Protein backbone atom coordinates (compact mmCIF):
# COMPACT_ATOMS: atom_id res chain seq x y z
CA MET A 1 -38.57 -24.72 -18.57
CA THR A 2 -41.23 -25.26 -15.84
CA ASP A 3 -42.13 -22.38 -13.55
CA PHE A 4 -42.56 -23.28 -9.93
CA TYR A 5 -43.86 -21.37 -6.98
CA VAL A 6 -41.31 -20.22 -4.48
CA PRO A 7 -42.80 -18.70 -1.38
CA LYS A 8 -41.66 -15.34 0.02
CA ILE A 9 -38.60 -16.15 2.15
CA THR A 10 -38.02 -14.01 5.14
CA GLU A 11 -35.64 -16.19 6.99
CA VAL A 12 -33.77 -19.14 5.80
CA GLU A 13 -31.23 -21.34 7.52
CA VAL A 14 -28.63 -23.06 5.42
CA LYS A 15 -27.36 -26.44 6.71
CA GLN A 16 -25.24 -29.34 5.68
CA ASP A 17 -26.62 -32.83 5.56
CA GLY A 18 -23.90 -35.25 4.51
CA ILE A 19 -22.96 -34.15 0.88
CA ASP A 20 -26.19 -32.15 0.59
CA VAL A 21 -26.88 -28.41 1.23
CA VAL A 22 -30.25 -28.04 2.91
CA LEU A 23 -32.31 -24.78 3.06
CA VAL A 24 -34.66 -24.86 6.09
CA GLN A 25 -37.47 -22.31 6.66
CA LYS A 26 -39.55 -22.35 9.88
CA GLY A 27 -38.30 -25.76 10.89
CA GLY A 28 -39.14 -27.46 7.57
CA THR A 29 -36.86 -28.38 4.64
CA PHE A 30 -37.42 -25.88 1.77
CA LEU A 31 -34.76 -27.11 -0.65
CA THR A 32 -32.12 -29.91 -0.73
CA LEU A 33 -29.31 -29.78 -3.32
CA ARG A 34 -26.13 -31.81 -3.75
CA TRP A 35 -22.98 -29.60 -2.98
CA ASP A 36 -22.12 -29.28 -6.66
CA ALA A 37 -25.56 -28.24 -7.75
CA ALA A 38 -25.61 -25.76 -4.82
CA LEU A 39 -22.35 -24.16 -6.18
CA ILE A 40 -23.82 -23.85 -9.60
CA LEU A 41 -27.07 -22.19 -8.17
CA ALA A 42 -24.98 -19.88 -5.93
CA LYS A 43 -23.00 -18.66 -8.93
CA ALA A 44 -26.13 -18.14 -11.10
CA ILE A 45 -27.79 -16.20 -8.18
CA THR A 46 -24.63 -14.08 -7.74
CA ILE A 47 -24.41 -13.18 -11.49
CA GLN A 48 -28.08 -12.11 -11.53
CA ALA A 49 -27.75 -10.09 -8.40
CA ARG A 50 -24.65 -8.25 -9.68
CA ARG A 51 -26.46 -7.39 -12.92
CA ILE A 52 -29.30 -5.99 -10.86
CA GLU A 53 -26.97 -4.23 -8.60
CA GLU A 54 -25.35 -2.53 -11.59
CA THR A 55 -28.82 -1.42 -12.81
CA VAL A 56 -29.88 -0.13 -9.45
CA LYS A 57 -26.63 1.73 -8.83
CA ALA A 58 -26.29 3.00 -12.43
CA ASN A 59 -26.12 6.83 -11.44
CA GLN A 60 -23.44 6.16 -8.78
CA ILE A 61 -21.35 3.98 -11.16
CA ILE A 62 -21.77 6.58 -13.95
CA GLY A 63 -20.54 9.37 -11.58
CA ASP A 64 -17.65 7.42 -10.26
CA GLN A 65 -16.56 6.36 -13.63
CA ALA A 66 -16.75 10.01 -14.86
CA LEU A 67 -14.58 11.08 -11.99
CA LEU A 68 -11.99 8.44 -12.79
CA MET A 69 -12.08 9.48 -16.46
CA ARG A 70 -11.63 13.06 -15.51
CA LEU A 71 -8.64 12.18 -13.45
CA GLY A 72 -7.14 10.19 -16.28
CA ILE A 73 -7.19 6.96 -14.18
CA PRO A 74 -7.55 3.91 -16.52
CA LEU A 75 -9.89 1.89 -14.42
CA GLY A 76 -13.23 0.64 -15.67
CA LEU A 77 -16.13 0.14 -13.22
CA THR A 78 -18.54 -1.19 -15.75
CA SER A 79 -18.41 -2.93 -19.17
CA ASN A 80 -21.86 -1.60 -20.08
CA PRO A 81 -21.18 0.58 -23.35
CA LYS A 82 -24.12 2.89 -22.66
CA MET A 83 -22.91 3.65 -19.08
CA ILE A 84 -19.39 4.22 -20.30
CA ASP A 85 -20.61 6.66 -22.97
CA GLU A 86 -22.71 8.52 -20.32
CA ALA A 87 -19.79 8.61 -17.96
CA ALA A 88 -17.68 10.04 -20.90
CA LYS A 89 -20.21 12.85 -21.42
CA LYS A 90 -20.33 13.58 -17.72
CA ALA A 91 -16.59 13.73 -17.51
CA ALA A 92 -16.44 16.17 -20.31
CA TRP A 93 -19.41 18.39 -19.60
CA ASP A 94 -20.37 18.11 -15.87
CA SER A 95 -19.78 21.56 -14.34
CA TYR A 96 -19.27 20.11 -10.87
CA LEU A 97 -16.55 17.74 -12.06
CA ARG A 98 -14.92 20.36 -14.13
CA ARG A 99 -14.63 22.66 -11.01
CA MET A 100 -13.40 19.75 -8.88
CA CYS A 101 -10.74 18.74 -11.41
CA PRO A 102 -10.12 21.77 -13.54
CA GLY A 103 -7.37 20.57 -15.81
CA GLY A 104 -7.37 16.91 -14.95
CA VAL A 105 -4.13 15.64 -13.40
CA LYS A 106 -0.79 16.80 -14.52
CA SER A 107 1.35 13.96 -15.86
CA GLN A 108 4.19 13.03 -13.76
CA GLU A 109 5.85 10.81 -16.36
CA ALA A 110 9.68 11.16 -16.46
CA PHE A 111 11.48 11.06 -19.87
CA GLY A 112 15.02 9.99 -20.47
CA THR A 113 17.24 7.19 -19.27
CA PRO A 114 17.16 6.28 -15.54
CA THR A 115 20.44 6.67 -13.77
CA LEU A 116 21.60 4.45 -10.95
CA ILE A 117 23.47 6.13 -8.22
CA GLN A 118 25.45 3.96 -5.75
CA HIS A 119 26.39 5.13 -2.30
CA GLU A 120 28.77 3.59 0.33
CA PRO A 121 26.66 2.42 3.31
CA GLU A 122 27.08 4.51 6.37
CA GLY A 123 29.67 3.16 8.77
CA GLY A 124 32.05 2.05 6.21
CA GLY A 125 30.24 -0.98 4.95
CA ASP A 126 30.58 -2.97 8.15
CA ASP A 127 26.76 -3.15 8.65
CA HIS A 128 26.67 -6.80 7.57
CA LYS A 129 29.08 -8.29 10.15
CA ALA A 130 27.71 -10.43 12.92
CA ILE A 131 27.98 -9.03 16.40
């Protein structure tokens, strides 16, 4: 793979030229891509940016994941096993979370067979008649 120089971009305008996506910087064309290549590039940039975001916001993600674990909410904010382990430790041992959620959340699950109770509609059941 050949490295190429990309100047520092402070302001880029994205335009359409037929079936091409054109990036313009300071009045000059910086990059021209076919629409399908532009979609592939945009997806690759998004994936890398999200990976970096997860690294930059690791402490916030761990804290939020620990809170969800402490509350018993089965929602994962990351698939990174190291961050999940750290969140589990924090959920179990962080004194602030333990004070905030002392016993977790009590289960509201109902046991038994549900019962269907039918009632007569008010007004004797004439609610469906046209006026």
